[in-house]
Protein backbone atom coordinates (compact mmCIF):
# COMPACT_ATOMS: atom_id res chain seq x y z
CA MET A 1 71.29 -27.27 -76.84
CA ALA A 2 67.83 -28.06 -77.79
CA SER A 3 66.84 -28.73 -74.26
CA ASN A 4 68.15 -25.74 -73.21
CA ASP A 5 65.77 -23.88 -75.85
CA LEU A 6 63.03 -25.06 -73.69
CA ILE A 7 63.85 -24.57 -70.68
CA ASP A 8 64.45 -20.81 -71.20
CA GLN A 9 61.44 -20.63 -73.15
CA ILE A 10 59.57 -22.25 -70.56
CA ALA A 11 60.88 -19.63 -68.26
CA GLU A 12 60.27 -16.87 -69.77
CA ARG A 13 57.01 -17.63 -70.03
CA VAL A 14 56.50 -18.16 -66.50
CA GLU A 15 58.44 -14.47 -65.52
CA HIS A 16 55.90 -13.10 -67.82
CA LEU A 17 52.44 -15.10 -66.00
CA LEU A 18 54.33 -14.16 -63.01
CA LEU A 19 54.01 -10.89 -64.24
CA ARG A 20 50.65 -10.61 -65.67
CA GLN A 21 49.49 -12.17 -62.37
CA GLU A 22 50.99 -9.38 -60.40
CA GLU A 23 49.12 -6.84 -62.76
CA LEU A 24 46.17 -8.51 -62.42
CA GLN A 25 46.25 -8.16 -58.80
CA ARG A 26 46.67 -4.52 -58.67
CA THR A 27 44.35 -4.45 -60.32
CA ASN A 28 41.68 -6.43 -58.54
CA ASP A 29 42.95 -4.52 -55.82
CA LEU A 30 41.97 -1.54 -57.21
CA LEU A 31 38.54 -2.62 -58.14
CA ALA A 32 38.16 -3.81 -54.81
CA ALA A 33 38.78 -0.52 -53.10
CA GLN A 34 36.19 1.68 -55.62
CA VAL A 35 33.35 -1.09 -54.53
CA ARG A 36 34.44 -0.34 -51.26
CA GLU A 37 34.25 3.11 -51.85
CA LEU A 38 30.92 3.68 -54.00
CA SER A 39 29.12 1.21 -51.60
CA ALA A 40 29.85 3.39 -49.09
CA GLU A 41 28.61 5.97 -50.80
CA ARG A 42 25.75 4.36 -51.63
CA ASP A 43 24.80 4.28 -48.02
CA GLN A 44 25.31 7.73 -47.31
CA MET A 45 22.74 8.52 -50.39
CA ARG A 46 20.73 5.56 -48.90
CA SER A 47 20.85 7.62 -45.80
CA ARG A 48 19.98 10.94 -46.52
CA LEU A 49 17.35 9.82 -49.08
CA SER A 50 15.26 8.13 -45.64
CA ALA A 51 15.87 11.41 -44.18
CA ALA A 52 14.65 13.93 -46.49
CA ARG A 53 11.71 11.59 -47.16
CA ALA A 54 11.27 11.74 -43.28
CA ARG A 55 10.93 15.11 -43.50
CA VAL A 56 8.63 15.24 -46.97
CA GLU A 57 6.31 13.40 -45.28
CA ALA A 58 6.40 15.53 -42.30
CA LEU A 59 5.63 18.44 -44.23
CA ILE A 60 2.60 17.12 -46.12
CA GLU A 61 1.67 16.11 -42.23
CA ARG A 62 1.73 19.86 -41.13
CA LEU A 63 -0.48 20.61 -44.58
CA PRO A 64 -4.11 21.78 -43.57
CA VAL A 65 -6.64 19.54 -44.65
CA ASN A 66 -8.41 21.50 -47.49
CA ALA A 67 -5.02 22.81 -48.48
CA SER A 68 -5.51 20.02 -51.14
CA THR A 69 -8.99 21.78 -52.72
CA PRO A 70 -8.17 24.05 -55.39
CA PRO A 71 -8.96 27.88 -54.98
CA GLY A 72 -12.70 29.13 -56.22
CA ASP A 73 -13.42 25.05 -56.10
CA SER A 74 -16.79 24.86 -53.60
CA ALA A 75 -17.65 21.31 -54.03
């Protein structure tokens, strides 16, 4: 009888561990999907930043040379 109780306890623990492993696998899958999503979002934001930076640099190049001198300053 004692060995049956031990086997039942072991079987119960194994079942519990299998359930826990499945739960952790689902959590891991969700986190991996979130990482992929955030990485894609980061890449998109980097691309948008680069485009905005290029537009600002182009605008700066179009400014007249004397535009940086404050009005009334005849140095």
